[in-house]
């Protein structure tokens, strides 16, 4: 990960981060909440709560989810990505 992006994530190290793109990224890969949870070693309930904005993810969870989705962590928070995924 480039240094600037790593530093951006480090700013959030003690805070939870909303993941507005999580649901669309999961769906674009044809994964259920359970499947994503298994791949990322988090519970399906956590995936549900993150997707519905009931909680934010801590950086470690965000990195696990991104890795399970095969994407860089910052893609989970980029607002414009939702349109890109639906077009492809």
PDB file of N, CA and C in Angstrom:
ATOM      1  N   UNK A   1       0.853  -1.168   0.000  1.00  0.00           N
ATOM      2  CA  UNK A   1       0.000   0.000   0.000  1.00  0.00           C
ATOM      3  C   UNK A   1       0.904   1.237   0.000  1.00  0.00           C
ATOM      4  N   UNK A   2       0.614   2.224  -0.890  1.00  0.00           N
ATOM      5  CA  UNK A   2       1.422   3.441  -0.885  1.00  0.00           C
ATOM      6  C   UNK A   2       1.371   4.135   0.466  1.00  0.00           C
ATOM      7  N   UNK A   3       2.462   4.821   0.784  1.00  0.00           N
ATOM      8  CA  UNK A   3       2.607   5.439   2.100  1.00  0.00           C
ATOM      9  C   UNK A   3       1.456   6.391   2.431  1.00  0.00           C
ATOM     10  N   UNK A   4       1.050   7.221   1.493  1.00  0.00           N
ATOM     11  CA  UNK A   4      -0.020   8.199   1.749  1.00  0.00           C
ATOM     12  C   UNK A   4      -1.326   7.496   2.132  1.00  0.00           C
ATOM     13  N   UNK A   5      -1.638   6.416   1.454  1.00  0.00           N
ATOM     14  CA  UNK A   5      -2.877   5.688   1.757  1.00  0.00           C
ATOM     15  C   UNK A   5      -2.768   5.018   3.118  1.00  0.00           C
ATOM     16  N   UNK A   6      -1.583   4.470   3.425  1.00  0.00           N
ATOM     17  CA  UNK A   6      -1.375   3.857   4.727  1.00  0.00           C
ATOM     18  C   UNK A   6      -1.524   4.896   5.834  1.00  0.00           C
ATOM     19  N   UNK A   7      -0.987   6.088   5.615  1.00  0.00           N
ATOM     20  CA  UNK A   7      -1.104   7.159   6.605  1.00  0.00           C
ATOM     21  C   UNK A   7      -2.556   7.579   6.780  1.00  0.00           C
ATOM     22  N   UNK A   8      -3.302   7.580   5.701  1.00  0.00           N
ATOM     23  CA  UNK A   8      -4.725   7.926   5.781  1.00  0.00           C
ATOM     24  C   UNK A   8      -5.460   6.931   6.675  1.00  0.00           C
ATOM     25  N   UNK A   9      -5.184   5.640   6.502  1.00  0.00           N
ATOM     26  CA  UNK A   9      -5.813   4.634   7.359  1.00  0.00           C
ATOM     27  C   UNK A   9      -5.336   4.751   8.796  1.00  0.00           C
ATOM     28  N   UNK A  10      -4.065   5.109   8.980  1.00  0.00           N
ATOM     29  CA  UNK A  10      -3.517   5.227  10.332  1.00  0.00           C
ATOM     30  C   UNK A  10      -4.235   6.312  11.130  1.00  0.00           C
ATOM     31  N   UNK A  11      -4.722   7.351  10.455  1.00  0.00           N
ATOM     32  CA  UNK A  11      -5.453   8.409  11.155  1.00  0.00           C
ATOM     33  C   UNK A  11      -6.694   7.864  11.847  1.00  0.00           C
ATOM     34  N   UNK A  12      -7.201   6.770  11.325  1.00  0.00           N
ATOM     35  CA  UNK A  12      -8.432   6.185  11.850  1.00  0.00           C
ATOM     36  C   UNK A  12      -8.173   5.045  12.817  1.00  0.00           C
ATOM     37  N   UNK A  13      -6.932   4.805  13.207  1.00  0.00           N
ATOM     38  CA  UNK A  13      -6.571   3.597  13.947  1.00  0.00           C
ATOM     39  C   UNK A  13      -7.359   3.371  15.225  1.00  0.00           C
ATOM     40  N   UNK A  14      -7.822   4.403  15.875  1.00  0.00           N
ATOM     41  CA  UNK A  14      -8.585   4.235  17.115  1.00  0.00           C
ATOM     42  C   UNK A  14     -10.069   4.523  16.923  1.00  0.00           C
ATOM     43  N   UNK A  15     -10.500   4.636  15.690  1.00  0.00           N
ATOM     44  CA  UNK A  15     -11.897   4.958  15.411  1.00  0.00           C
ATOM     45  C   UNK A  15     -12.474   3.941  14.444  1.00  0.00           C
ATOM     46  N   UNK A  16     -13.767   3.787  14.494  1.00  0.00           N
ATOM     47  CA  UNK A  16     -14.405   2.915  13.522  1.00  0.00           C
ATOM     48  C   UNK A  16     -14.710   3.730  12.264  1.00  0.00           C
ATOM     49  N   UNK A  17     -14.655   3.053  11.140  1.00  0.00           N
ATOM     50  CA  UNK A  17     -14.768   3.692   9.834  1.00  0.00           C
ATOM     51  C   UNK A  17     -16.022   3.179   9.139  1.00  0.00           C
ATOM     52  N   UNK A  18     -16.898   4.066   8.673  1.00  0.00           N
ATOM     53  CA  UNK A  18     -18.055   3.605   7.901  1.00  0.00           C
ATOM     54  C   UNK A  18     -17.580   3.035   6.555  1.00  0.00           C
ATOM     55  N   UNK A  19     -18.234   1.996   6.096  1.00  0.00           N
ATOM     56  CA  UNK A  19     -17.854   1.338   4.846  1.00  0.00           C
ATOM     57  C   UNK A  19     -19.010   1.380   3.846  1.00  0.00           C
ATOM     58  N   UNK A  20     -19.240   2.535   3.213  1.00  0.00           N
ATOM     59  CA  UNK A  20     -20.405   2.671   2.340  1.00  0.00           C
ATOM     60  C   UNK A  20     -20.389   1.773   1.103  1.00  0.00           C
ATOM     61  N   UNK A  21     -19.227   1.273   0.704  1.00  0.00           N
ATOM     62  CA  UNK A  21     -19.146   0.459  -0.507  1.00  0.00           C
ATOM     63  C   UNK A  21     -19.143  -1.043  -0.237  1.00  0.00           C
ATOM     64  N   UNK A  22     -19.195  -1.445   1.009  1.00  0.00           N
ATOM     65  CA  UNK A  22     -19.066  -2.864   1.341  1.00  0.00           C
ATOM     66  C   UNK A  22     -20.134  -3.717   0.660  1.00  0.00           C
ATOM     67  N   UNK A  23     -21.387  -3.346   0.775  1.00  0.00           N
ATOM     68  CA  UNK A  23     -22.472  -4.167   0.204  1.00  0.00           C
ATOM     69  C   UNK A  23     -22.325  -4.304  -1.309  1.00  0.00           C
ATOM     70  N   UNK A  24     -22.099  -3.196  -2.005  1.00  0.00           N
ATOM     71  CA  UNK A  24     -22.013  -3.272  -3.468  1.00  0.00           C
ATOM     72  C   UNK A  24     -20.789  -4.079  -3.902  1.00  0.00           C
ATOM     73  N   UNK A  25     -19.688  -3.969  -3.178  1.00  0.00           N
ATOM     74  CA  UNK A  25     -18.501  -4.757  -3.520  1.00  0.00           C
ATOM     75  C   UNK A  25     -18.749  -6.243  -3.273  1.00  0.00           C
ATOM     76  N   UNK A  26     -19.400  -6.566  -2.172  1.00  0.00           N
ATOM     77  CA  UNK A  26     -19.721  -7.966  -1.874  1.00  0.00           C
ATOM     78  C   UNK A  26     -20.636  -8.551  -2.942  1.00  0.00           C
ATOM     79  N   UNK A  27     -21.682  -7.815  -3.270  1.00  0.00           N
ATOM     80  CA  UNK A  27     -22.650  -8.305  -4.254  1.00  0.00           C
ATOM     81  C   UNK A  27     -22.019  -8.444  -5.638  1.00  0.00           C
ATOM     82  N   UNK A  28     -21.141  -7.508  -6.002  1.00  0.00           N
ATOM     83  CA  UNK A  28     -20.520  -7.568  -7.330  1.00  0.00           C
ATOM     84  C   UNK A  28     -19.637  -8.809  -7.475  1.00  0.00           C
ATOM     85  N   UNK A  29     -19.226  -9.367  -6.352  1.00  0.00           N
ATOM     86  CA  UNK A  29     -18.407 -10.580  -6.368  1.00  0.00           C
ATOM     87  C   UNK A  29     -19.240 -11.836  -6.139  1.00  0.00           C
ATOM     88  N   UNK A  30     -20.552 -11.664  -6.033  1.00  0.00           N
ATOM     89  CA  UNK A  30     -21.460 -12.799  -5.892  1.00  0.00           C
ATOM     90  C   UNK A  30     -21.356 -13.519  -4.557  1.00  0.00           C
ATOM     91  N   UNK A  31     -20.982 -12.790  -3.508  1.00  0.00           N
ATOM     92  CA  UNK A  31     -20.822 -13.387  -2.187  1.00  0.00           C
ATOM     93  C   UNK A  31     -22.001 -13.068  -1.283  1.00  0.00           C
ATOM     94  N   UNK A  32     -22.368 -14.021  -0.454  1.00  0.00           N
ATOM     95  CA  UNK A  32     -23.358 -13.756   0.587  1.00  0.00           C
ATOM     96  C   UNK A  32     -22.628 -13.130   1.779  1.00  0.00           C
ATOM     97  N   UNK A  33     -23.388 -12.613   2.711  1.00  0.00           N
ATOM     98  CA  UNK A  33     -22.773 -12.064   3.929  1.00  0.00           C
ATOM     99  C   UNK A  33     -22.019 -13.167   4.668  1.00  0.00           C
ATOM    100  N   UNK A  34     -22.567 -14.348   4.696  1.00  0.00           N
ATOM    101  CA  UNK A  34     -21.916 -15.476   5.363  1.00  0.00           C
ATOM    102  C   UNK A  34     -20.595 -15.828   4.674  1.00  0.00           C
ATOM    103  N   UNK A  35     -20.615 -15.894   3.343  1.00  0.00           N
ATOM    104  CA  UNK A  35     -19.389 -16.234   2.607  1.00  0.00           C
ATOM    105  C   UNK A  35     -18.295 -15.195   2.825  1.00  0.00           C
ATOM    106  N   UNK A  36     -18.671 -13.923   2.776  1.00  0.00           N
ATOM    107  CA  UNK A  36     -17.678 -12.870   3.020  1.00  0.00           C
ATOM    108  C   UNK A  36     -17.145 -12.964   4.440  1.00  0.00           C
ATOM    109  N   UNK A  37     -18.035 -13.187   5.387  1.00  0.00           N
ATOM    110  CA  UNK A  37     -17.611 -13.323   6.770  1.00  0.00           C
ATOM    111  C   UNK A  37     -16.624 -14.456   6.954  1.00  0.00           C
ATOM    112  N   UNK A  38     -16.886 -15.581   6.310  1.00  0.00           N
ATOM    113  CA  UNK A  38     -15.972 -16.726   6.414  1.00  0.00           C
ATOM    114  C   UNK A  38     -14.613 -16.392   5.813  1.00  0.00           C
ATOM    115  N   UNK A  39     -14.617 -15.758   4.648  1.00  0.00           N
ATOM    116  CA  UNK A  39     -13.350 -15.407   3.988  1.00  0.00           C
ATOM    117  C   UNK A  39     -12.542 -14.397   4.799  1.00  0.00           C
ATOM    118  N   UNK A  40     -13.251 -13.492   5.487  1.00  0.00           N
ATOM    119  CA  UNK A  40     -12.581 -12.422   6.237  1.00  0.00           C
ATOM    120  C   UNK A  40     -12.393 -12.760   7.714  1.00  0.00           C
ATOM    121  N   UNK A  41     -12.866 -13.901   8.138  1.00  0.00           N
ATOM    122  CA  UNK A  41     -12.808 -14.308   9.554  1.00  0.00           C
ATOM    123  C   UNK A  41     -13.535 -13.323  10.465  1.00  0.00           C
ATOM    124  N   UNK A  42     -14.714 -12.894  10.016  1.00  0.00           N
ATOM    125  CA  UNK A  42     -15.607 -12.079  10.849  1.00  0.00           C
ATOM    126  C   UNK A  42     -16.986 -12.726  10.777  1.00  0.00           C
ATOM    127  N   UNK A  43     -17.842 -12.418  11.723  1.00  0.00           N
ATOM    128  CA  UNK A  43     -19.167 -13.049  11.727  1.00  0.00           C
ATOM    129  C   UNK A  43     -20.063 -12.429  10.651  1.00  0.00           C
ATOM    130  N   UNK A  44     -21.034 -13.210  10.154  1.00  0.00           N
ATOM    131  CA  UNK A  44     -21.995 -12.658   9.202  1.00  0.00           C
ATOM    132  C   UNK A  44     -22.766 -11.489   9.819  1.00  0.00           C
ATOM    133  N   UNK A  45     -22.972 -11.535  11.136  1.00  0.00           N
ATOM    134  CA  UNK A  45     -23.648 -10.429  11.819  1.00  0.00           C
ATOM    135  C   UNK A  45     -22.839  -9.143  11.742  1.00  0.00           C
ATOM    136  N   UNK A  46     -21.538  -9.264  11.816  1.00  0.00           N
ATOM    137  CA  UNK A  46     -20.678  -8.083  11.669  1.00  0.00           C
ATOM    138  C   UNK A  46     -20.802  -7.518  10.270  1.00  0.00           C
ATOM    139  N   UNK A  47     -20.790  -8.388   9.265  1.00  0.00           N
ATOM    140  CA  UNK A  47     -20.950  -7.922   7.879  1.00  0.00           C
ATOM    141  C   UNK A  47     -22.290  -7.204   7.744  1.00  0.00           C
ATOM    142  N   UNK A  48     -23.345  -7.778   8.289  1.00  0.00           N
ATOM    143  CA  UNK A  48     -24.678  -7.166   8.239  1.00  0.00           C
ATOM    144  C   UNK A  48     -24.665  -5.774   8.880  1.00  0.00           C
ATOM    145  N   UNK A  49     -24.105  -5.670  10.082  1.00  0.00           N
ATOM    146  CA  UNK A  49     -24.094  -4.388  10.789  1.00  0.00           C
ATOM    147  C   UNK A  49     -23.270  -3.337  10.043  1.00  0.00           C
ATOM    148  N   UNK A  50     -22.160  -3.757   9.448  1.00  0.00           N
ATOM    149  CA  UNK A  50     -21.334  -2.817   8.683  1.00  0.00           C
ATOM    150  C   UNK A  50     -22.065  -2.348   7.432  1.00  0.00           C
ATOM    151  N   UNK A  51     -22.696  -3.269   6.734  1.00  0.00           N
ATOM    152  CA  UNK A  51     -23.411  -2.908   5.506  1.00  0.00           C
ATOM    153  C   UNK A  51     -24.601  -1.995   5.772  1.00  0.00           C
ATOM    154  N   UNK A  52     -25.212  -2.143   6.907  1.00  0.00           N
ATOM    155  CA  UNK A  52     -26.400  -1.342   7.224  1.00  0.00           C
ATOM    156  C   UNK A  52     -26.088  -0.099   8.049  1.00  0.00           C
ATOM    157  N   UNK A  53     -24.818   0.193   8.220  1.00  0.00           N
ATOM    158  CA  UNK A  53     -24.416   1.402   8.926  1.00  0.00           C
ATOM    159  C   UNK A  53     -24.711   1.390  10.408  1.00  0.00           C
ATOM    160  N   UNK A  54     -24.914   0.201  10.971  1.00  0.00           N
ATOM    161  CA  UNK A  54     -25.195   0.107  12.393  1.00  0.00           C
ATOM    162  C   UNK A  54     -23.928   0.239  13.220  1.00  0.00           C
ATOM    163  N   UNK A  55     -22.794   0.068  12.560  1.00  0.00           N
ATOM    164  CA  UNK A  55     -21.491   0.276  13.190  1.00  0.00           C
ATOM    165  C   UNK A  55     -20.461   0.489  12.099  1.00  0.00           C
ATOM    166  N   UNK A  56     -19.313   0.993  12.476  1.00  0.00           N
ATOM    167  CA  UNK A  56     -18.210   1.144  11.546  1.00  0.00           C
ATOM    168  C   UNK A  56     -17.190   0.051  11.820  1.00  0.00           C
ATOM    169  N   UNK A  57     -16.246  -0.086  10.913  1.00  0.00           N
ATOM    170  CA  UNK A  57     -15.206  -1.103  11.055  1.00  0.00           C
ATOM    171  C   UNK A  57     -13.933  -0.484  11.600  1.00  0.00           C
ATOM    172  N   UNK A  58     -13.263  -1.211  12.459  1.00  0.00           N
ATOM    173  CA  UNK A  58     -11.934  -0.800  12.877  1.00  0.00           C
ATOM    174  C   UNK A  58     -10.969  -1.156  11.748  1.00  0.00           C
ATOM    175  N   UNK A  59      -9.840  -0.482  11.669  1.00  0.00           N
ATOM    176  CA  UNK A  59      -8.919  -0.708  10.547  1.00  0.00           C
ATOM    177  C   UNK A  59      -8.560  -2.179  10.308  1.00  0.00           C
ATOM    178  N   UNK A  60      -8.368  -2.961  11.362  1.00  0.00           N
ATOM    179  CA  UNK A  60      -8.025  -4.370  11.173  1.00  0.00           C
ATOM    180  C   UNK A  60      -9.156  -5.114  10.462  1.00  0.00           C
ATOM    181  N   UNK A  61     -10.389  -4.861  10.864  1.00  0.00           N
ATOM    182  CA  UNK A  61     -11.539  -5.501  10.218  1.00  0.00           C
ATOM    183  C   UNK A  61     -11.667  -5.032   8.786  1.00  0.00           C
ATOM    184  N   UNK A  62     -11.445  -3.757   8.563  1.00  0.00           N
ATOM    185  CA  UNK A  62     -11.515  -3.198   7.210  1.00  0.00           C
ATOM    186  C   UNK A  62     -10.492  -3.884   6.306  1.00  0.00           C
ATOM    187  N   UNK A  63      -9.276  -4.084   6.803  1.00  0.00           N
ATOM    188  CA  UNK A  63      -8.243  -4.752   6.004  1.00  0.00           C
ATOM    189  C   UNK A  63      -8.614  -6.210   5.720  1.00  0.00           C
ATOM    190  N   UNK A  64      -9.192  -6.905   6.694  1.00  0.00           N
ATOM    191  CA  UNK A  64      -9.619  -8.291   6.482  1.00  0.00           C
ATOM    192  C   UNK A  64     -10.687  -8.373   5.396  1.00  0.00           C
ATOM    193  N   UNK A  65     -11.665  -7.478   5.473  1.00  0.00           N
ATOM    194  CA  UNK A  65     -12.747  -7.476   4.487  1.00  0.00           C
ATOM    195  C   UNK A  65     -12.211  -7.150   3.098  1.00  0.00           C
ATOM    196  N   UNK A  66     -11.353  -6.155   3.012  1.00  0.00           N
ATOM    197  CA  UNK A  66     -10.781  -5.763   1.723  1.00  0.00           C
ATOM    198  C   UNK A  66      -9.991  -6.925   1.117  1.00  0.00           C
ATOM    199  N   UNK A  67      -9.206  -7.580   1.943  1.00  0.00           N
ATOM    200  CA  UNK A  67      -8.426  -8.719   1.457  1.00  0.00           C
ATOM    201  C   UNK A  67      -9.345  -9.826   0.947  1.00  0.00           C
ATOM    202  N   UNK A  68     -10.404 -10.105   1.683  1.00  0.00           N
ATOM    203  CA  UNK A  68     -11.363 -11.141   1.279  1.00  0.00           C
ATOM    204  C   UNK A  68     -12.066 -10.776  -0.025  1.00  0.00           C
ATOM    205  N   UNK A  69     -12.199  -9.479  -0.283  1.00  0.00           N
ATOM    206  CA  UNK A  69     -12.838  -9.002  -1.509  1.00  0.00           C
ATOM    207  C   UNK A  69     -11.835  -8.797  -2.640  1.00  0.00           C
ATOM    208  N   UNK A  70     -10.536  -8.933  -2.333  1.00  0.00           N
ATOM    209  CA  UNK A  70      -9.508  -8.741  -3.353  1.00  0.00           C
ATOM    210  C   UNK A  70      -9.374  -7.293  -3.789  1.00  0.00           C
ATOM    211  N   UNK A  71      -9.527  -6.381  -2.842  1.00  0.00           N
ATOM    212  CA  UNK A  71      -9.482  -4.950  -3.156  1.00  0.00           C
ATOM    213  C   UNK A  71      -8.652  -4.221  -2.106  1.00  0.00           C
ATOM    214  N   UNK A  72      -8.145  -3.034  -2.444  1.00  0.00           N
ATOM    215  CA  UNK A  72      -7.453  -2.245  -1.419  1.00  0.00           C
ATOM    216  C   UNK A  72      -8.466  -1.712  -0.400  1.00  0.00           C
ATOM    217  N   UNK A  73      -8.061  -1.586   0.860  1.00  0.00           N
ATOM    218  CA  UNK A  73      -8.994  -1.143   1.910  1.00  0.00           C
ATOM    219  C   UNK A  73      -9.697   0.176   1.602  1.00  0.00           C
ATOM    220  N   UNK A  74      -8.993   1.106   0.978  1.00  0.00           N
ATOM    221  CA  UNK A  74      -9.611   2.412   0.728  1.00  0.00           C
ATOM    222  C   UNK A  74     -10.785   2.325  -0.239  1.00  0.00           C
ATOM    223  N   UNK A  75     -10.866   1.253  -1.046  1.00  0.00           N
ATOM    224  CA  UNK A  75     -12.019   1.103  -1.940  1.00  0.00           C
ATOM    225  C   UNK A  75     -13.319   0.943  -1.167  1.00  0.00           C
ATOM    226  N   UNK A  76     -13.244   0.444   0.044  1.00  0.00           N
ATOM    227  CA  UNK A  76     -14.451   0.284   0.853  1.00  0.00           C
ATOM    228  C   UNK A  76     -15.045   1.622   1.271  1.00  0.00           C
ATOM    229  N   UNK A  77     -14.244   2.666   1.262  1.00  0.00           N
ATOM    230  CA  UNK A  77     -14.731   3.960   1.715  1.00  0.00           C
ATOM    231  C   UNK A  77     -14.847   4.994   0.599  1.00  0.00           C
ATOM    232  N   UNK A  78     -14.361   4.703  -0.580  1.00  0.00           N
ATOM    233  CA  UNK A  78     -14.466   5.647  -1.692  1.00  0.00           C
ATOM    234  C   UNK A  78     -15.905   5.751  -2.159  1.00  0.00           C
ATOM    235  N   UNK A  79     -16.429   6.944  -2.159  1.00  0.00           N
ATOM    236  CA  UNK A  79     -17.827   7.157  -2.558  1.00  0.00           C
ATOM    237  C   UNK A  79     -18.078   6.809  -4.018  1.00  0.00           C
ATOM    238  N   UNK A  80     -17.163   7.139  -4.914  1.00  0.00           N
ATOM    239  CA  UNK A  80     -17.391   6.952  -6.343  1.00  0.00           C
ATOM    240  C   UNK A  80     -17.299   5.520  -6.815  1.00  0.00           C
ATOM    241  N   UNK A  81     -16.807   4.621  -5.989  1.00  0.00           N
ATOM    242  CA  UNK A  81     -16.620   3.245  -6.426  1.00  0.00           C
ATOM    243  C   UNK A  81     -17.946   2.544  -6.711  1.00  0.00           C
ATOM    244  N   UNK A  82     -18.981   2.903  -6.001  1.00  0.00           N
ATOM    245  CA  UNK A  82     -20.279   2.237  -6.174  1.00  0.00           C
ATOM    246  C   UNK A  82     -20.721   2.296  -7.636  1.00  0.00           C
ATOM    247  N   UNK A  83     -20.566   3.440  -8.285  1.00  0.00           N
ATOM    248  CA  UNK A  83     -20.953   3.581  -9.688  1.00  0.00           C
ATOM    249  C   UNK A  83     -20.059   2.719 -10.580  1.00  0.00           C
ATOM    250  N   UNK A  84     -18.771   2.697 -10.315  1.00  0.00           N
ATOM    251  CA  UNK A  84     -17.825   1.932 -11.128  1.00  0.00           C
ATOM    252  C   UNK A  84     -18.159   0.446 -11.089  1.00  0.00           C
ATOM    253  N   UNK A  85     -18.487  -0.073  -9.927  1.00  0.00           N
ATOM    254  CA  UNK A  85     -18.796  -1.503  -9.807  1.00  0.00           C
ATOM    255  C   UNK A  85     -20.062  -1.844 -10.567  1.00  0.00           C
ATOM    256  N   UNK A  86     -21.087  -1.000 -10.482  1.00  0.00           N
ATOM    257  CA  UNK A  86     -22.356  -1.323 -11.132  1.00  0.00           C
ATOM    258  C   UNK A  86     -22.259  -1.241 -12.658  1.00  0.00           C
ATOM    259  N   UNK A  87     -21.283  -0.485 -13.166  1.00  0.00           N
ATOM    260  CA  UNK A  87     -21.110  -0.339 -14.611  1.00  0.00           C
ATOM    261  C   UNK A  87     -20.372  -1.532 -15.194  1.00  0.00           C
ATOM    262  N   UNK A  88     -19.419  -2.081 -14.450  1.00  0.00           N
ATOM    263  CA  UNK A  88     -18.566  -3.161 -14.980  1.00  0.00           C
ATOM    264  C   UNK A  88     -19.278  -4.463 -15.129  1.00  0.00           C
TER     265      UNK A  88
END
